[in-house]
Amino acid sequence: MIRTTTSHAGPWAALAHRLSGLALALFLPFHFLALGLAIEGEADFDGFLRWSDQPLVKVGEWGLVVLLSVHLFFGLRVLAIEFLPWPGHLKRLIVAGAAASLLVGAVFLMNAA
């Protein structure tokens, strides 16, 4: 169990930002593999595209979009903390980042179906 020294959502937002960045970094080799297949030849890439039509891969794509939006919006939160004169309570900014991330994921899910 992870313990924080404070009772607000800031440490959880920071953890979500870091974990989403780590998950995105772990995804990069697969992204480069897909790009390499596209460069090597049309037949290999077509096979990859057929494989990517599986429902589990579509769920993974949705998860990737959510991870990207979590990392983006909580990264904007970090920039706001660093460069803007914010009051001590940033809970609304954290909730807005989480809500925006879920909204991006929902929009992607509606377009993917």
Protein backbone atom coordinates (compact mmCIF):
# COMPACT_ATOMS: atom_id res chain seq x y z
CA MET A 1 0.00 0.00 0.00
CA ILE A 2 1.27 3.43 -0.91
CA ARG A 3 1.14 5.97 1.90
CA THR A 4 1.25 9.70 1.46
CA THR A 5 2.01 12.29 4.06
CA THR A 6 -0.87 14.49 2.97
CA SER A 7 -4.56 13.89 2.62
CA HIS A 8 -5.08 15.69 -0.68
CA ALA A 9 -5.05 14.34 -4.24
CA GLY A 10 -1.77 15.97 -5.29
CA PRO A 11 0.50 12.98 -4.59
CA TRP A 12 -1.95 10.68 -6.39
CA ALA A 13 -1.95 12.97 -9.43
CA ALA A 14 1.85 13.00 -9.40
CA LEU A 15 1.90 9.20 -9.16
CA ALA A 16 -0.59 8.89 -12.05
CA HIS A 17 1.58 11.24 -14.13
CA ARG A 18 4.72 9.22 -13.47
CA LEU A 19 3.11 5.81 -13.99
CA SER A 20 1.45 6.91 -17.23
CA GLY A 21 4.83 8.16 -18.46
CA LEU A 22 6.42 4.83 -17.57
CA ALA A 23 3.66 2.88 -19.35
CA LEU A 24 4.05 5.07 -22.44
CA ALA A 25 7.80 4.48 -22.40
CA LEU A 26 7.16 0.72 -22.29
CA PHE A 27 4.85 1.07 -25.31
CA LEU A 28 7.47 2.81 -27.48
CA PRO A 29 9.29 -0.35 -28.68
CA PHE A 30 6.00 -1.71 -30.04
CA HIS A 31 5.35 1.59 -31.77
CA PHE A 32 8.80 1.47 -33.37
CA LEU A 33 8.15 -2.14 -34.41
CA ALA A 34 5.00 -1.05 -36.24
CA LEU A 35 6.88 1.80 -37.92
CA GLY A 36 9.63 -0.61 -38.94
CA LEU A 37 7.08 -2.97 -40.48
CA ALA A 38 5.63 -0.07 -42.46
CA ILE A 39 9.08 0.81 -43.77
CA GLU A 40 10.11 -2.76 -44.61
CA GLY A 41 7.20 -3.66 -46.80
CA GLU A 42 3.54 -3.44 -47.49
CA ALA A 43 2.74 -7.13 -46.87
CA ASP A 44 4.25 -7.17 -43.37
CA PHE A 45 2.46 -3.98 -42.42
CA ASP A 46 -0.85 -5.25 -43.81
CA GLY A 47 -0.50 -8.34 -41.64
CA PHE A 48 0.13 -6.12 -38.64
CA LEU A 49 -2.95 -4.04 -39.45
CA ARG A 50 -5.08 -7.18 -39.69
CA TRP A 51 -3.75 -8.31 -36.31
CA SER A 52 -4.53 -4.89 -34.83
CA ASP A 53 -8.24 -5.29 -35.68
CA GLN A 54 -8.67 -7.72 -32.77
CA PRO A 55 -10.97 -6.51 -29.96
CA LEU A 56 -8.27 -6.85 -27.29
CA VAL A 57 -5.92 -4.67 -29.33
CA LYS A 58 -8.69 -2.07 -29.68
CA VAL A 59 -9.06 -2.04 -25.87
CA GLY A 60 -5.29 -1.57 -25.66
CA GLU A 61 -5.51 1.38 -28.04
CA TRP A 62 -8.17 2.94 -25.83
CA GLY A 63 -5.92 2.42 -22.81
CA LEU A 64 -3.05 4.05 -24.65
CA VAL A 65 -5.17 7.11 -25.48
CA VAL A 66 -6.22 7.39 -21.83
CA LEU A 67 -2.59 7.09 -20.70
CA LEU A 68 -1.56 9.79 -23.16
CA SER A 69 -4.29 12.15 -21.96
CA VAL A 70 -3.52 11.45 -18.27
CA HIS A 71 0.13 12.22 -18.92
CA LEU A 72 -0.76 15.36 -20.88
CA PHE A 73 -3.24 16.86 -18.44
CA PHE A 74 -1.30 16.02 -15.29
CA GLY A 75 1.85 17.31 -17.00
CA LEU A 76 0.02 20.58 -17.59
CA ARG A 77 -0.79 20.54 -13.87
CA VAL A 78 2.92 20.27 -13.09
CA LEU A 79 3.67 23.19 -15.42
CA ALA A 80 0.94 25.24 -13.74
CA ILE A 81 2.41 24.50 -10.31
CA GLU A 82 5.87 25.50 -11.48
CA PHE A 83 5.07 28.65 -13.42
CA LEU A 84 1.73 30.09 -12.25
CA PRO A 85 0.86 31.70 -8.92
CA TRP A 86 -1.62 29.06 -7.71
CA PRO A 87 -3.14 29.00 -4.25
CA GLY A 88 -2.38 26.04 -2.00
CA HIS A 89 -5.46 24.05 -3.06
CA LEU A 90 -5.05 22.42 -6.47
CA LYS A 91 -7.77 19.81 -6.08
CA ARG A 92 -9.95 21.36 -8.78
CA LEU A 93 -7.07 21.26 -11.25
CA ILE A 94 -6.45 17.60 -10.45
CA VAL A 95 -10.11 16.72 -10.87
CA ALA A 96 -10.25 18.69 -14.12
CA GLY A 97 -7.21 16.78 -15.45
CA ALA A 98 -8.71 13.43 -14.54
CA ALA A 99 -12.08 14.37 -16.03
CA ALA A 100 -10.47 15.64 -19.24
CA SER A 101 -8.51 12.39 -19.55
CA LEU A 102 -11.65 10.30 -19.17
CA LEU A 103 -13.44 12.52 -21.69
CA VAL A 104 -10.65 12.02 -24.23
CA GLY A 105 -10.85 8.27 -23.66
CA ALA A 106 -14.62 8.28 -24.07
CA VAL A 107 -14.42 10.26 -27.33
CA PHE A 108 -11.82 7.84 -28.67
CA LEU A 109 -13.96 4.88 -27.65
CA MET A 110 -17.02 6.31 -29.44
CA ASN A 111 -14.99 6.90 -32.62
CA ALA A 112 -13.35 3.45 -32.49
CA ALA A 113 -16.62 1.54 -32.25
